[in-house]
Amino acid sequence: MNLIVNIDVPDLEAATRFYVDALELRVGRRLGGMGVELLGAAVSIYLLLEAEGSAPFANATEHRHYRRHWTPVHLDIVVGDLDLALARAVASGARDAGGVSEHAWGRMALLADPFGHGFCLIELRGRGYDELATG
């Protein structure tokens, strides 16, 4: 099985610049004017052009918006140096969404991309998530 991550964005070129600059991804294929494949992560990431106010599916009662929003699915991006990755992301247009927190497994920065999508930068320490594992 392969996993592909799709991120709806209202401005494909601005989103491409952000994710390439902020997360050091690289452009793979361009899917006409409607999508861009980003490579360099352990999964493929596709930016999909979807207009603000468009319906995400037929008969949807809510429509797309790109203000800061919450969703139960988000990206956690594991980095080797949180401070460096955080500085790069903010310089590229990411917004602080909760600061940096310390945990038994490492450090985490809560951010939002310029299109309202939340994501976390994670720096694992020691045994990483195994610090929490039981059984």
Protein backbone atom coordinates (compact mmCIF):
# COMPACT_ATOMS: atom_id res chain seq x y z
CA MET A 1 0.00 0.00 0.00
CA ASN A 2 1.14 3.55 -0.74
CA LEU A 3 -0.10 6.71 0.93
CA ILE A 4 -0.60 9.99 -0.93
CA VAL A 5 -1.37 13.22 0.92
CA ASN A 6 -3.57 15.77 -0.90
CA ILE A 7 -3.69 19.39 0.26
CA ASP A 8 -6.33 21.69 -1.23
CA VAL A 9 -5.03 25.21 -1.90
CA PRO A 10 -6.50 28.30 -3.57
CA ASP A 11 -3.19 29.38 -5.18
CA LEU A 12 -1.12 26.57 -6.64
CA GLU A 13 2.06 28.54 -7.32
CA ALA A 14 2.10 30.23 -3.89
CA ALA A 15 1.50 26.86 -2.21
CA THR A 16 4.25 25.23 -4.26
CA ARG A 17 6.71 27.96 -3.25
CA PHE A 18 5.72 27.65 0.41
CA TYR A 19 6.06 23.86 0.67
CA VAL A 20 9.28 23.77 -1.37
CA ASP A 21 10.87 26.57 0.66
CA ALA A 22 9.44 25.75 4.10
CA LEU A 23 9.87 21.97 4.06
CA GLU A 24 12.64 21.54 1.49
CA LEU A 25 10.43 19.45 -0.79
CA ARG A 26 10.93 19.43 -4.56
CA VAL A 27 8.49 19.55 -7.45
CA GLY A 28 7.89 16.22 -9.19
CA ARG A 29 5.18 16.21 -11.83
CA ARG A 30 2.84 19.05 -12.68
CA LEU A 31 -0.71 17.80 -13.24
CA GLY A 32 -1.82 20.35 -15.80
CA GLY A 33 -2.87 23.52 -14.03
CA MET A 34 -4.75 21.65 -11.30
CA GLY A 35 -2.06 19.95 -9.25
CA VAL A 36 1.60 19.68 -8.33
CA GLU A 37 3.34 16.61 -6.99
CA LEU A 38 5.86 17.35 -4.23
CA LEU A 39 8.64 14.87 -3.52
CA GLY A 40 11.20 14.47 -0.77
CA ALA A 41 8.97 13.19 2.05
CA ALA A 42 8.33 9.53 2.86
CA VAL A 43 4.91 9.93 1.16
CA SER A 44 3.93 11.80 -1.97
CA ILE A 45 2.24 15.13 -1.36
CA TYR A 46 -0.05 16.63 -3.99
CA LEU A 47 -1.20 20.24 -3.91
CA LEU A 48 -4.64 20.45 -5.53
CA LEU A 49 -6.08 23.70 -6.85
CA GLU A 50 -9.52 24.15 -5.29
CA ALA A 51 -11.24 27.54 -5.24
CA GLU A 52 -12.30 29.22 -2.00
CA GLY A 53 -16.03 28.61 -1.54
CA SER A 54 -16.12 25.46 -3.68
CA ALA A 55 -17.91 22.37 -2.40
CA PRO A 56 -15.65 19.50 -1.28
CA PHE A 57 -18.25 16.94 -2.41
CA ALA A 58 -21.76 16.88 -3.89
CA ASN A 59 -24.48 18.29 -1.59
CA ALA A 60 -21.90 19.54 0.94
CA THR A 61 -23.34 21.87 3.57
CA GLU A 62 -19.92 23.45 4.20
CA HIS A 63 -17.63 24.89 1.57
CA ARG A 64 -13.87 25.32 1.38
CA HIS A 65 -12.29 28.25 3.14
CA TYR A 66 -8.66 29.03 3.72
CA ARG A 67 -8.84 30.92 7.01
CA ARG A 68 -7.08 29.10 9.86
CA HIS A 69 -9.17 26.02 10.50
CA TRP A 70 -9.05 22.78 12.39
CA THR A 71 -9.32 19.32 10.90
CA PRO A 72 -8.90 15.94 12.55
CA VAL A 73 -6.25 15.04 9.94
CA HIS A 74 -3.02 17.04 9.77
CA LEU A 75 0.63 16.65 8.86
CA ASP A 76 3.35 15.91 11.41
CA ILE A 77 6.72 16.51 9.80
CA VAL A 78 9.67 14.90 11.57
CA VAL A 79 12.81 17.06 11.39
CA GLY A 80 16.34 16.65 12.71
CA ASP A 81 16.67 20.21 14.03
CA LEU A 82 13.42 21.83 15.17
CA ASP A 83 14.86 25.31 15.60
CA LEU A 84 16.30 25.35 12.07
CA ALA A 85 13.15 23.87 10.50
CA LEU A 86 10.93 26.29 12.43
CA ALA A 87 12.97 29.32 11.31
CA ARG A 88 12.82 28.13 7.68
CA ALA A 89 9.05 27.52 7.84
CA VAL A 90 8.30 30.92 9.41
CA ALA A 91 10.59 32.70 6.91
CA SER A 92 8.60 30.97 4.15
CA GLY A 93 5.24 32.17 5.47
CA ALA A 94 4.16 29.68 8.15
CA ARG A 95 2.23 31.14 11.09
CA ASP A 96 2.77 30.20 14.73
CA ALA A 97 -0.27 28.29 15.96
CA GLY A 98 0.82 27.40 19.47
CA GLY A 99 4.54 27.74 19.94
CA VAL A 100 7.07 25.06 20.80
CA SER A 101 6.30 22.46 23.46
CA GLU A 102 8.54 19.92 25.20
CA HIS A 103 7.50 16.29 25.65
CA ALA A 104 9.03 13.04 26.89
CA TRP A 105 9.49 12.01 23.23
CA GLY A 106 10.91 15.35 21.98
CA ARG A 107 9.80 18.81 20.90
CA MET A 108 6.92 20.03 18.75
CA ALA A 109 6.05 23.31 17.02
CA LEU A 110 2.42 23.97 16.05
CA LEU A 111 2.11 25.96 12.81
CA ALA A 112 -0.30 26.86 10.02
CA ASP A 113 0.56 27.19 6.35
CA PRO A 114 -0.49 30.37 4.49
CA PHE A 115 -3.75 28.61 3.51
CA GLY A 116 -4.98 27.85 7.03
CA HIS A 117 -3.87 24.19 7.19
CA GLY A 118 -2.34 23.24 10.51
CA PHE A 119 0.82 21.17 10.68
CA CYS A 120 3.41 20.24 13.29
CA LEU A 121 7.17 20.10 13.13
CA ILE A 122 8.37 17.24 15.35
CA GLU A 123 11.90 16.68 16.66
CA LEU A 124 12.12 13.24 18.24
CA ARG A 125 14.57 12.66 21.11
CA GLY A 126 15.80 9.58 22.91
CA ARG A 127 13.52 6.70 21.94
CA GLY A 128 11.00 9.03 20.28
CA TYR A 129 7.41 7.87 20.66
CA ASP A 130 8.68 4.69 22.30
CA GLU A 131 9.10 6.86 25.42
CA LEU A 132 5.28 6.65 25.67
CA ALA A 133 4.76 3.09 24.48
CA THR A 134 3.38 0.50 26.84
CA GLY A 135 3.08 -3.27 26.46
